[in-house]
Amino acid sequence: MGGPGGATNPEQLFAAGWAACFHSALKAVAAQRKTQIADSAVIAEVRVHSTPEGGFSLSAALHVELSGVEQATADKLVDAAHAICPYSNATRGNIPVTVDATVA
């Protein structure tokens, strides 16, 4: 937003924090449900959008990759993690967020 680029921006920092927090929530949910996941990763994409009023808003997409479970289980784990993650709770209803799970 008007800077020269070439450096980390606030959206990237927010995305990194959210991805790390969501990953912890995912592991906590899996442990709570006694479900073993072999491998997992969370990628968060946070974007800035211009508003018609001249301001800015955010949107986010969380992409979760995991293995060792079936797709239906992965979807349930990701939904449960989204329900308890502090970043997800802080943004819920405030910005558009999509969450998806891919079993690798």
Protein backbone atom coordinates (compact mmCIF):
# COMPACT_ATOMS: atom_id res chain seq x y z
CA MET A 1 0.00 0.00 0.00
CA GLY A 2 2.22 2.74 -1.26
CA GLY A 3 5.54 1.35 -0.03
CA PRO A 4 8.52 0.36 -2.17
CA GLY A 5 7.95 -3.37 -1.63
CA GLY A 6 10.73 -5.88 -1.14
CA ALA A 7 10.00 -6.37 2.56
CA THR A 8 7.56 -8.29 4.72
CA ASN A 9 4.20 -6.56 4.92
CA PRO A 10 1.62 -6.62 7.73
CA GLU A 11 -0.64 -9.06 5.87
CA GLN A 12 2.20 -11.58 5.62
CA LEU A 13 2.94 -11.25 9.33
CA PHE A 14 -0.74 -11.72 10.18
CA ALA A 15 -0.90 -14.75 7.88
CA ALA A 16 2.20 -16.30 9.47
CA GLY A 17 0.79 -15.86 12.97
CA TRP A 18 -2.60 -17.24 11.96
CA ALA A 19 -1.07 -20.26 10.20
CA ALA A 20 1.05 -21.12 13.24
CA CYS A 21 -1.87 -20.69 15.63
CA PHE A 22 -4.22 -22.69 13.42
CA HIS A 23 -1.65 -25.48 13.14
CA SER A 24 -1.45 -25.67 16.94
CA ALA A 25 -5.25 -25.77 17.13
CA LEU A 26 -5.32 -28.57 14.54
CA LYS A 27 -2.81 -30.63 16.52
CA ALA A 28 -4.74 -30.01 19.75
CA VAL A 29 -8.02 -31.12 18.19
CA ALA A 30 -6.41 -34.23 16.70
CA ALA A 31 -4.88 -35.15 20.07
CA GLN A 32 -8.16 -34.49 21.88
CA ARG A 33 -9.96 -36.80 19.46
CA LYS A 34 -7.17 -39.36 19.63
CA THR A 35 -6.70 -39.08 15.87
CA GLN A 36 -3.19 -39.49 14.55
CA ILE A 37 -2.17 -37.33 11.62
CA ALA A 38 1.07 -38.30 9.92
CA ASP A 39 2.03 -34.92 8.49
CA SER A 40 0.41 -31.51 8.43
CA ALA A 41 0.93 -27.96 7.24
CA VAL A 42 -1.15 -24.79 7.21
CA ILE A 43 -0.82 -22.03 4.65
CA ALA A 44 -2.66 -18.79 5.33
CA GLU A 45 -3.22 -16.19 2.62
CA VAL A 46 -4.31 -12.76 3.80
CA ARG A 47 -5.22 -10.12 1.23
CA VAL A 48 -5.97 -6.40 1.45
CA HIS A 49 -8.87 -4.98 -0.55
CA SER A 50 -9.94 -1.40 -1.22
CA THR A 51 -13.40 -0.47 -0.02
CA PRO A 52 -15.79 1.82 -1.92
CA GLU A 53 -15.47 4.34 0.93
CA GLY A 54 -11.74 4.69 0.33
CA GLY A 55 -10.61 2.43 3.18
CA PHE A 56 -9.29 -1.09 3.23
CA SER A 57 -10.50 -4.51 4.32
CA LEU A 58 -9.01 -7.98 4.62
CA SER A 59 -9.91 -11.45 3.40
CA ALA A 60 -8.24 -14.74 4.25
CA ALA A 61 -7.91 -18.29 2.99
CA LEU A 62 -6.53 -21.10 5.13
CA HIS A 63 -5.25 -24.14 3.29
CA VAL A 64 -4.52 -27.22 5.41
CA GLU A 65 -2.64 -30.23 4.12
CA LEU A 66 -2.49 -33.40 6.18
CA SER A 67 -1.99 -37.11 5.80
CA GLY A 68 -2.83 -40.25 7.71
CA VAL A 69 -6.59 -39.65 7.73
CA GLU A 70 -9.47 -39.82 5.28
CA GLN A 71 -10.87 -36.64 3.71
CA ALA A 72 -14.02 -36.66 5.88
CA THR A 73 -11.89 -36.84 9.04
CA ALA A 74 -9.59 -34.11 7.76
CA ASP A 75 -12.58 -31.85 7.10
CA LYS A 76 -13.92 -32.43 10.63
CA LEU A 77 -10.51 -31.76 12.21
CA VAL A 78 -10.09 -28.54 10.24
CA ASP A 79 -13.60 -27.35 11.11
CA ALA A 80 -12.94 -28.04 14.79
CA ALA A 81 -9.59 -26.25 14.66
CA HIS A 82 -11.27 -23.26 13.01
CA ALA A 83 -13.79 -23.21 15.89
CA ILE A 84 -11.10 -22.96 18.60
CA CYS A 85 -8.24 -21.04 16.95
CA PRO A 86 -7.94 -17.56 18.53
CA TYR A 87 -7.17 -15.91 15.18
CA SER A 88 -10.22 -17.58 13.62
CA ASN A 89 -12.36 -16.44 16.54
CA ALA A 90 -10.99 -12.89 16.35
CA THR A 91 -11.83 -12.58 12.66
CA ARG A 92 -15.09 -14.55 12.59
CA GLY A 93 -17.85 -12.37 11.16
CA ASN A 94 -15.43 -9.52 10.53
CA ILE A 95 -13.75 -10.62 7.29
CA PRO A 96 -14.42 -13.26 4.62
CA VAL A 97 -12.52 -16.45 5.46
CA THR A 98 -12.37 -19.74 3.59
CA VAL A 99 -10.87 -22.91 5.03
CA ASP A 100 -10.07 -26.07 3.12
CA ALA A 101 -8.38 -29.39 3.82
CA THR A 102 -6.40 -31.53 1.41
CA VAL A 103 -5.34 -35.07 2.26
CA ALA A 104 -1.96 -35.81 0.77
